[in-house]
Amino acid sequence: MTRICSVIPAAGRGSRLGLDCPKILVPIEDNLTVWDVLRNSLAPVSERIHVVLAPSAMAQFSGLQTTVNGQFSVTTSAQAVPLGMGDAIFGAEPFWRDFETILIVWGDQVNLSAETLKQVAARTSVDKTMVLPLVECQTPYVQYDLTDGVLTHVRQSREGDAMDPVGFSDVGVFALSVPGLLDCWHQFVKKSAVGAQTNELNFLPFLPFLSHHCRWNLHTVIVSDPVEALGINTPEDLQITRERFARLKHHR
């Protein structure tokens, strides 16, 4: 396993959830927030966890970022302007440039399993490698198209792309080798246009560019449980997640 820095783009707020706090600090159950879950899940595979926040969230997160457990540390930075996930990830490059792999995890993916993260970490490499966990879903929100081991396209419903009735989606986790990664991002930025609907330079189209144009080796991890793809974007998502954690706590 390579030296891993986990990067969490978490500049979103919980406004759509009806909560006045950074999304990453949304409570899942008593004394357990989204951040607590992500930190506990990522600590076993990470030397550092870096969280990218909105400037207004830095104060609320203060005191949580310096947690050190002998094996990992937590750092933060602010994304001054909300220009998309790619900007958040590569704007934080000074914090992960000295590692061999970055493990990118969306800031609301609390339903990930420890086994998925363990499998992803085990397949990382310092040599031009992308590890992508995928799960088969009905009418996926994001769909991945692969041909002969190459990721050719990522379809996004939020950008108006048509989805198949059943297809492979991600679980909000992406592991990328660090050497050469920033150069590939700069190449991608020069060639790419903003999204048709979001008007953002999206991160997900960078993945097929990395696979096809930069010849990154792709390793997929097939996830069996579609629940792992569930983030927290709506009050319904939050309720489902809270009920799931309550069931898990009951069976412990």
C-alpha atoms as a PDB file:
ATOM      1  CA  MET A   1       0.000   0.000   0.000  1.00  0.00           C
ATOM      2  CA  THR A   2       1.301   3.454  -0.877  1.00  0.00           C
ATOM      3  CA  ARG A   3       1.512   6.512   1.367  1.00  0.00           C
ATOM      4  CA  ILE A   4      -1.985   7.962   1.195  1.00  0.00           C
ATOM      5  CA  CYS A   5      -3.383  11.416   1.817  1.00  0.00           C
ATOM      6  CA  SER A   6      -7.175  11.398   1.901  1.00  0.00           C
ATOM      7  CA  VAL A   7      -8.733  14.567   0.486  1.00  0.00           C
ATOM      8  CA  ILE A   8     -12.318  15.528   1.349  1.00  0.00           C
ATOM      9  CA  PRO A   9     -13.835  18.361  -0.728  1.00  0.00           C
ATOM     10  CA  ALA A  10     -16.410  19.629   1.774  1.00  0.00           C
ATOM     11  CA  ALA A  11     -17.162  23.247   0.917  1.00  0.00           C
ATOM     12  CA  GLY A  12     -20.908  22.619   0.714  1.00  0.00           C
ATOM     13  CA  ARG A  13     -23.337  23.694   3.407  1.00  0.00           C
ATOM     14  CA  GLY A  14     -26.387  21.879   4.748  1.00  0.00           C
ATOM     15  CA  SER A  15     -28.850  24.460   3.424  1.00  0.00           C
ATOM     16  CA  ARG A  16     -30.763  21.941   1.303  1.00  0.00           C
ATOM     17  CA  LEU A  17     -31.030  19.811   4.419  1.00  0.00           C
ATOM     18  CA  GLY A  18     -32.575  22.692   6.355  1.00  0.00           C
ATOM     19  CA  LEU A  19     -29.544  22.932   8.636  1.00  0.00           C
ATOM     20  CA  ASP A  20     -27.360  25.939   9.366  1.00  0.00           C
ATOM     21  CA  CYS A  21     -23.970  24.247   9.521  1.00  0.00           C
ATOM     22  CA  PRO A  22     -21.329  22.935   7.157  1.00  0.00           C
ATOM     23  CA  LYS A  23     -22.558  19.754   5.526  1.00  0.00           C
ATOM     24  CA  ILE A  24     -19.625  17.799   6.938  1.00  0.00           C
ATOM     25  CA  LEU A  25     -20.760  18.676  10.482  1.00  0.00           C
ATOM     26  CA  VAL A  26     -24.340  17.454   9.992  1.00  0.00           C
ATOM     27  CA  PRO A  27     -25.281  15.135  12.907  1.00  0.00           C
ATOM     28  CA  ILE A  28     -26.022  11.497  12.052  1.00  0.00           C
ATOM     29  CA  GLU A  29     -26.827  10.435  15.598  1.00  0.00           C
ATOM     30  CA  ASP A  30     -26.024  11.659  19.100  1.00  0.00           C
ATOM     31  CA  ASN A  31     -22.369  12.740  19.281  1.00  0.00           C
ATOM     32  CA  LEU A  32     -21.685  11.530  15.721  1.00  0.00           C
ATOM     33  CA  THR A  33     -21.381  13.833  12.707  1.00  0.00           C
ATOM     34  CA  VAL A  34     -20.592  13.209   9.051  1.00  0.00           C
ATOM     35  CA  TRP A  35     -17.020  14.261   9.836  1.00  0.00           C
ATOM     36  CA  ASP A  36     -16.739  11.749  12.691  1.00  0.00           C
ATOM     37  CA  VAL A  37     -17.813   8.926  10.374  1.00  0.00           C
ATOM     38  CA  LEU A  38     -15.453   9.938   7.564  1.00  0.00           C
ATOM     39  CA  ARG A  39     -12.495  10.439   9.915  1.00  0.00           C
ATOM     40  CA  ASN A  40     -13.017   7.052  11.552  1.00  0.00           C
ATOM     41  CA  SER A  41     -13.361   5.336   8.163  1.00  0.00           C
ATOM     42  CA  LEU A  42     -10.329   6.981   6.559  1.00  0.00           C
ATOM     43  CA  ALA A  43      -7.897   6.919   9.474  1.00  0.00           C
ATOM     44  CA  PRO A  44      -6.897   3.239   9.013  1.00  0.00           C
ATOM     45  CA  VAL A  45      -5.721   3.843   5.417  1.00  0.00           C
ATOM     46  CA  SER A  46      -4.425   7.426   5.626  1.00  0.00           C
ATOM     47  CA  GLU A  47      -1.352   9.227   6.899  1.00  0.00           C
ATOM     48  CA  ARG A  48      -3.171  12.537   6.503  1.00  0.00           C
ATOM     49  CA  ILE A  49      -6.783  13.593   6.036  1.00  0.00           C
ATOM     50  CA  HIS A  50      -7.133  16.967   4.354  1.00  0.00           C
ATOM     51  CA  VAL A  51     -10.517  18.722   4.385  1.00  0.00           C
ATOM     52  CA  VAL A  52     -11.355  21.543   1.957  1.00  0.00           C
ATOM     53  CA  LEU A  53     -13.978  23.864   3.433  1.00  0.00           C
ATOM     54  CA  ALA A  54     -15.819  27.048   2.581  1.00  0.00           C
ATOM     55  CA  PRO A  55     -14.177  30.068   4.259  1.00  0.00           C
ATOM     56  CA  SER A  56     -17.252  30.543   6.453  1.00  0.00           C
ATOM     57  CA  ALA A  57     -16.921  26.980   7.777  1.00  0.00           C
ATOM     58  CA  MET A  58     -13.312  27.234   8.904  1.00  0.00           C
ATOM     59  CA  ALA A  59     -14.198  28.624  12.330  1.00  0.00           C
ATOM     60  CA  GLN A  60     -16.836  25.944  12.991  1.00  0.00           C
ATOM     61  CA  PHE A  61     -14.344  23.255  12.049  1.00  0.00           C
ATOM     62  CA  SER A  62     -11.592  24.820  14.153  1.00  0.00           C
ATOM     63  CA  GLY A  63     -10.242  22.489  16.803  1.00  0.00           C
ATOM     64  CA  LEU A  64     -11.211  19.383  14.875  1.00  0.00           C
ATOM     65  CA  GLN A  65      -8.508  19.621  12.228  1.00  0.00           C
ATOM     66  CA  THR A  66      -5.452  18.994  14.390  1.00  0.00           C
ATOM     67  CA  THR A  67      -6.494  15.571  15.630  1.00  0.00           C
ATOM     68  CA  VAL A  68      -3.445  13.313  15.699  1.00  0.00           C
ATOM     69  CA  ASN A  69      -3.615   9.610  16.472  1.00  0.00           C
ATOM     70  CA  GLY A  70       0.037   8.662  16.141  1.00  0.00           C
ATOM     71  CA  GLN A  71      -0.604   7.495  12.582  1.00  0.00           C
ATOM     72  CA  PHE A  72      -2.486  10.294  10.868  1.00  0.00           C
ATOM     73  CA  SER A  73      -3.051  14.027  11.062  1.00  0.00           C
ATOM     74  CA  VAL A  74      -5.880  16.270   9.899  1.00  0.00           C
ATOM     75  CA  THR A  75      -5.357  19.516   7.984  1.00  0.00           C
ATOM     76  CA  THR A  76      -7.732  21.995   6.376  1.00  0.00           C
ATOM     77  CA  SER A  77      -7.778  24.665   3.693  1.00  0.00           C
ATOM     78  CA  ALA A  78     -10.432  27.020   2.352  1.00  0.00           C
ATOM     79  CA  GLN A  79     -11.848  27.101  -1.179  1.00  0.00           C
ATOM     80  CA  ALA A  80     -12.321  30.850  -1.558  1.00  0.00           C
ATOM     81  CA  VAL A  81     -14.667  30.625  -4.570  1.00  0.00           C
ATOM     82  CA  PRO A  82     -16.946  27.600  -5.213  1.00  0.00           C
ATOM     83  CA  LEU A  83     -15.577  26.652  -8.646  1.00  0.00           C
ATOM     84  CA  GLY A  84     -16.198  22.911  -8.381  1.00  0.00           C
ATOM     85  CA  MET A  85     -14.665  19.749  -6.973  1.00  0.00           C
ATOM     86  CA  GLY A  86     -11.622  19.798  -9.259  1.00  0.00           C
ATOM     87  CA  ASP A  87     -10.702  23.284  -8.106  1.00  0.00           C
ATOM     88  CA  ALA A  88     -11.090  22.196  -4.478  1.00  0.00           C
ATOM     89  CA  ILE A  89      -8.906  19.110  -4.924  1.00  0.00           C
ATOM     90  CA  PHE A  90      -6.099  20.678  -6.940  1.00  0.00           C
ATOM     91  CA  GLY A  91      -6.211  23.923  -4.993  1.00  0.00           C
ATOM     92  CA  ALA A  92      -5.186  21.797  -2.010  1.00  0.00           C
ATOM     93  CA  GLU A  93      -2.217  20.295  -3.903  1.00  0.00           C
ATOM     94  CA  PRO A  94       0.404  21.676  -1.453  1.00  0.00           C
ATOM     95  CA  PHE A  95      -1.113  19.467   1.241  1.00  0.00           C
ATOM     96  CA  TRP A  96      -0.943  16.193  -0.758  1.00  0.00           C
ATOM     97  CA  ARG A  97       1.947  16.688  -3.192  1.00  0.00           C
ATOM     98  CA  ASP A  98       4.452  14.816  -0.982  1.00  0.00           C
ATOM     99  CA  PHE A  99       2.320  11.656  -0.785  1.00  0.00           C
ATOM    100  CA  GLU A 100       2.221   8.786  -3.276  1.00  0.00           C
ATOM    101  CA  THR A 101      -1.571   8.535  -3.609  1.00  0.00           C
ATOM    102  CA  ILE A 102      -4.522  10.780  -2.951  1.00  0.00           C
ATOM    103  CA  LEU A 103      -7.761   9.147  -1.881  1.00  0.00           C
ATOM    104  CA  ILE A 104     -10.571  11.549  -2.773  1.00  0.00           C
ATOM    105  CA  VAL A 105     -13.815  11.092  -0.854  1.00  0.00           C
ATOM    106  CA  TRP A 106     -16.871  13.312  -1.257  1.00  0.00           C
ATOM    107  CA  GLY A 107     -17.752  15.077   1.970  1.00  0.00           C
ATOM    108  CA  ASP A 108     -21.086  13.321   2.514  1.00  0.00           C
ATOM    109  CA  GLN A 109     -20.244   9.664   1.734  1.00  0.00           C
ATOM    110  CA  VAL A 110     -20.967   8.329   5.205  1.00  0.00           C
ATOM    111  CA  ASN A 111     -22.394   5.021   3.977  1.00  0.00           C
ATOM    112  CA  LEU A 112     -19.061   3.717   2.682  1.00  0.00           C
ATOM    113  CA  SER A 113     -17.901   0.400   4.074  1.00  0.00           C
ATOM    114  CA  ALA A 114     -14.506  -0.161   5.651  1.00  0.00           C
ATOM    115  CA  GLU A 115     -14.046  -3.120   3.292  1.00  0.00           C
ATOM    116  CA  THR A 116     -14.409  -0.928   0.191  1.00  0.00           C
ATOM    117  CA  LEU A 117     -11.829   1.542   1.476  1.00  0.00           C
ATOM    118  CA  LYS A 118      -9.489  -1.309   2.406  1.00  0.00           C
ATOM    119  CA  GLN A 119      -9.756  -2.797  -1.108  1.00  0.00           C
ATOM    120  CA  VAL A 120      -9.136   0.568  -2.736  1.00  0.00           C
ATOM    121  CA  ALA A 121      -6.088   1.266  -0.580  1.00  0.00           C
ATOM    122  CA  ALA A 122      -4.660  -2.188  -1.336  1.00  0.00           C
ATOM    123  CA  ARG A 123      -4.755  -1.550  -5.100  1.00  0.00           C
ATOM    124  CA  THR A 124      -3.093   1.851  -5.084  1.00  0.00           C
ATOM    125  CA  SER A 125       0.290   2.328  -6.714  1.00  0.00           C
ATOM    126  CA  VAL A 126       2.778   5.145  -7.183  1.00  0.00           C
ATOM    127  CA  ASP A 127       2.891   4.366 -10.925  1.00  0.00           C
ATOM    128  CA  LYS A 128       0.079   6.107 -12.900  1.00  0.00           C
ATOM    129  CA  THR A 129      -2.786   4.247 -11.270  1.00  0.00           C
ATOM    130  CA  MET A 130      -6.441   5.102 -10.766  1.00  0.00           C
ATOM    131  CA  VAL A 131      -8.578   2.938  -8.478  1.00  0.00           C
ATOM    132  CA  LEU A 132     -12.305   3.369  -8.990  1.00  0.00           C
ATOM    133  CA  PRO A 133     -14.971   1.606  -6.898  1.00  0.00           C
ATOM    134  CA  LEU A 134     -18.145   1.081  -8.930  1.00  0.00           C
ATOM    135  CA  VAL A 135     -21.593  -0.201  -8.046  1.00  0.00           C
ATOM    136  CA  GLU A 136     -24.426  -1.234 -10.358  1.00  0.00           C
ATOM    137  CA  CYS A 137     -27.465   1.010  -9.898  1.00  0.00           C
ATOM    138  CA  GLN A 138     -30.846   1.569 -11.480  1.00  0.00           C
ATOM    139  CA  THR A 139     -31.062   4.914 -13.342  1.00  0.00           C
ATOM    140  CA  PRO A 140     -27.692   6.082 -12.006  1.00  0.00           C
ATOM    141  CA  TYR A 141     -27.148   9.758 -11.274  1.00  0.00           C
ATOM    142  CA  VAL A 142     -23.625   9.373 -12.673  1.00  0.00           C
ATOM    143  CA  GLN A 143     -22.760   6.575 -15.105  1.00  0.00           C
ATOM    144  CA  TYR A 144     -19.328   5.227 -16.070  1.00  0.00           C
ATOM    145  CA  ASP A 145     -18.618   3.792 -19.531  1.00  0.00           C
ATOM    146  CA  LEU A 146     -15.627   1.469 -19.898  1.00  0.00           C
ATOM    147  CA  THR A 147     -14.188  -0.213 -23.007  1.00  0.00           C
ATOM    148  CA  ASP A 148     -11.370  -2.773 -22.834  1.00  0.00           C
ATOM    149  CA  GLY A 149     -10.247  -1.557 -19.423  1.00  0.00           C
ATOM    150  CA  VAL A 150     -10.255   2.124 -20.404  1.00  0.00           C
ATOM    151  CA  LEU A 151     -12.663   4.633 -18.899  1.00  0.00           C
ATOM    152  CA  THR A 152     -14.069   6.354 -21.987  1.00  0.00           C
ATOM    153  CA  HIS A 153     -16.807   8.587 -20.592  1.00  0.00           C
ATOM    154  CA  VAL A 154     -18.581   9.684 -17.435  1.00  0.00           C
ATOM    155  CA  ARG A 155     -22.217  10.629 -17.963  1.00  0.00           C
ATOM    156  CA  GLN A 156     -23.777  13.085 -15.522  1.00  0.00           C
ATOM    157  CA  SER A 157     -27.521  13.567 -15.301  1.00  0.00           C
ATOM    158  CA  ARG A 158     -27.003  17.006 -13.731  1.00  0.00           C
ATOM    159  CA  GLU A 159     -25.341  18.075 -16.992  1.00  0.00           C
ATOM    160  CA  GLY A 160     -28.230  16.739 -19.076  1.00  0.00           C
ATOM    161  CA  ASP A 161     -26.641  13.434 -20.139  1.00  0.00           C
ATOM    162  CA  ALA A 162     -28.928  10.475 -20.883  1.00  0.00           C
ATOM    163  CA  MET A 163     -28.636   7.542 -18.473  1.00  0.00           C
ATOM    164  CA  ASP A 164     -29.228   3.842 -19.074  1.00  0.00           C
ATOM    165  CA  PRO A 165     -31.911   2.056 -17.023  1.00  0.00           C
ATOM    166  CA  VAL A 166     -29.088   0.189 -15.266  1.00  0.00           C
ATOM    167  CA  GLY A 167     -25.440   1.220 -15.162  1.00  0.00           C
ATOM    168  CA  PHE A 168     -22.316   1.524 -13.063  1.00  0.00           C
ATOM    169  CA  SER A 169     -22.024   4.493 -10.729  1.00  0.00           C
ATOM    170  CA  ASP A 170     -19.323   5.564  -8.275  1.00  0.00           C
ATOM    171  CA  VAL A 171     -19.500   5.570  -4.485  1.00  0.00           C
ATOM    172  CA  GLY A 172     -17.825   8.963  -4.110  1.00  0.00           C
ATOM    173  CA  VAL A 173     -14.298   7.513  -3.789  1.00  0.00           C
ATOM    174  CA  PHE A 174     -11.377   7.888  -6.221  1.00  0.00           C
ATOM    175  CA  ALA A 175      -7.722   6.918  -5.618  1.00  0.00           C
ATOM    176  CA  LEU A 176      -5.110   8.523  -7.895  1.00  0.00           C
ATOM    177  CA  SER A 177      -1.322   8.250  -8.027  1.00  0.00           C
ATOM    178  CA  VAL A 178       0.298  11.596  -7.247  1.00  0.00           C
ATOM    179  CA  PRO A 179       3.385  11.636  -9.561  1.00  0.00           C
ATOM    180  CA  GLY A 180       2.391  13.387 -12.799  1.00  0.00           C
ATOM    181  CA  LEU A 181      -1.181  14.030 -11.653  1.00  0.00           C
ATOM    182  CA  LEU A 182      -0.966  17.829 -11.500  1.00  0.00           C
ATOM    183  CA  ASP A 183       0.491  18.000 -15.030  1.00  0.00           C
ATOM    184  CA  CYS A 184      -2.416  15.896 -16.334  1.00  0.00           C
ATOM    185  CA  TRP A 185      -4.890  18.216 -14.592  1.00  0.00           C
ATOM    186  CA  HIS A 186      -3.315  21.258 -16.262  1.00  0.00           C
ATOM    187  CA  GLN A 187      -3.590  19.513 -19.644  1.00  0.00           C
ATOM    188  CA  PHE A 188      -7.234  18.722 -18.936  1.00  0.00           C
ATOM    189  CA  VAL A 189      -8.033  22.306 -17.930  1.00  0.00           C
ATOM    190  CA  LYS A 190      -6.601  23.619 -21.211  1.00  0.00           C
ATOM    191  CA  LYS A 191      -8.703  21.224 -23.307  1.00  0.00           C
ATOM    192  CA  SER A 192     -11.975  21.197 -21.397  1.00  0.00           C
ATOM    193  CA  ALA A 193     -15.129  23.272 -21.272  1.00  0.00           C
ATOM    194  CA  VAL A 194     -17.372  23.937 -18.293  1.00  0.00           C
ATOM    195  CA  GLY A 195     -20.456  21.808 -17.709  1.00  0.00           C
ATOM    196  CA  ALA A 196     -23.531  22.597 -19.779  1.00  0.00           C
ATOM    197  CA  GLN A 197     -25.802  22.978 -16.748  1.00  0.00           C
ATOM    198  CA  THR A 198     -23.517  23.682 -13.790  1.00  0.00           C
ATOM    199  CA  ASN A 199     -21.105  25.999 -15.607  1.00  0.00           C
ATOM    200  CA  GLU A 200     -18.339  24.392 -13.541  1.00  0.00           C
ATOM    201  CA  LEU A 201     -15.155  22.666 -14.653  1.00  0.00           C
ATOM    202  CA  ASN A 202     -16.238  19.305 -13.286  1.00  0.00           C
ATOM    203  CA  PHE A 203     -13.839  16.795 -11.766  1.00  0.00           C
ATOM    204  CA  LEU A 204     -15.512  13.616 -13.039  1.00  0.00           C
ATOM    205  CA  PRO A 205     -14.711  14.200 -16.774  1.00  0.00           C
ATOM    206  CA  PHE A 206     -11.056  14.398 -15.712  1.00  0.00           C
ATOM    207  CA  LEU A 207     -11.147  10.667 -14.932  1.00  0.00           C
ATOM    208  CA  PRO A 208     -11.659   9.445 -18.541  1.00  0.00           C
ATOM    209  CA  PHE A 209      -9.094  12.052 -19.652  1.00  0.00           C
ATOM    210  CA  LEU A 210      -6.658  10.551 -17.157  1.00  0.00           C
ATOM    211  CA  SER A 211      -7.444   7.011 -18.316  1.00  0.00           C
ATOM    212  CA  HIS A 212      -7.533   7.620 -22.073  1.00  0.00           C
ATOM    213  CA  HIS A 213      -5.181  10.561 -22.740  1.00  0.00           C
ATOM    214  CA  CYS A 214      -2.686  10.247 -19.880  1.00  0.00           C
ATOM    215  CA  ARG A 215      -2.698   6.419 -20.002  1.00  0.00           C
ATOM    216  CA  TRP A 216      -3.364   5.982 -16.285  1.00  0.00           C
ATOM    217  CA  ASN A 217      -3.888   2.320 -15.378  1.00  0.00           C
ATOM    218  CA  LEU A 218      -7.459   1.732 -14.233  1.00  0.00           C
ATOM    219  CA  HIS A 219      -8.333  -0.740 -11.481  1.00  0.00           C
ATOM    220  CA  THR A 220     -12.003  -1.115 -10.618  1.00  0.00           C
ATOM    221  CA  VAL A 221     -13.398  -2.374  -7.325  1.00  0.00           C
ATOM    222  CA  ILE A 222     -16.919  -3.738  -7.709  1.00  0.00           C
ATOM    223  CA  VAL A 223     -19.105  -2.811  -4.748  1.00  0.00           C
ATOM    224  CA  SER A 224     -22.118  -5.063  -4.162  1.00  0.00           C
ATOM    225  CA  ASP A 225     -24.283  -2.820  -1.963  1.00  0.00           C
ATOM    226  CA  PRO A 226     -25.841   0.222  -3.733  1.00  0.00           C
ATOM    227  CA  VAL A 227     -26.347   1.874  -0.313  1.00  0.00           C
ATOM    228  CA  GLU A 228     -22.627   2.727  -0.362  1.00  0.00           C
ATOM    229  CA  ALA A 229     -23.325   5.173  -3.204  1.00  0.00           C
ATOM    230  CA  LEU A 230     -25.795   7.122  -1.062  1.00  0.00           C
ATOM    231  CA  GLY A 231     -24.553  10.563  -0.088  1.00  0.00           C
ATOM    232  CA  ILE A 232     -26.526  13.125   1.889  1.00  0.00           C
ATOM    233  CA  ASN A 233     -28.030  15.606  -0.539  1.00  0.00           C
ATOM    234  CA  THR A 234     -31.652  15.815   0.592  1.00  0.00           C
ATOM    235  CA  PRO A 235     -33.612  15.502   3.856  1.00  0.00           C
ATOM    236  CA  GLU A 236     -34.713  12.069   2.608  1.00  0.00           C
ATOM    237  CA  ASP A 237     -31.073  10.963   2.202  1.00  0.00           C
ATOM    238  CA  LEU A 238     -30.322  12.171   5.715  1.00  0.00           C
ATOM    239  CA  GLN A 239     -33.302  10.330   7.171  1.00  0.00           C
ATOM    240  CA  ILE A 240     -32.347   7.069   5.403  1.00  0.00           C
ATOM    241  CA  THR A 241     -28.786   7.409   6.687  1.00  0.00           C
ATOM    242  CA  ARG A 242     -29.850   8.127  10.255  1.00  0.00           C
ATOM    243  CA  GLU A 243     -32.180   5.115  10.240  1.00  0.00           C
ATOM    244  CA  ARG A 244     -29.388   2.925   8.847  1.00  0.00           C
ATOM    245  CA  PHE A 245     -26.935   4.022  11.549  1.00  0.00           C
ATOM    246  CA  ALA A 246     -29.586   3.441  14.206  1.00  0.00           C
ATOM    247  CA  ARG A 247     -30.059  -0.131  12.948  1.00  0.00           C
ATOM    248  CA  LEU A 248     -26.296  -0.720  12.874  1.00  0.00           C
ATOM    249  CA  LYS A 249     -25.966   0.610  16.430  1.00  0.00           C
ATOM    250  CA  HIS A 250     -28.796  -1.651  17.583  1.00  0.00           C
ATOM    251  CA  HIS A 251     -27.064  -4.745  16.158  1.00  0.00           C
ATOM    252  CA  ARG A 252     -23.646  -3.948  17.636  1.00  0.00           C
END
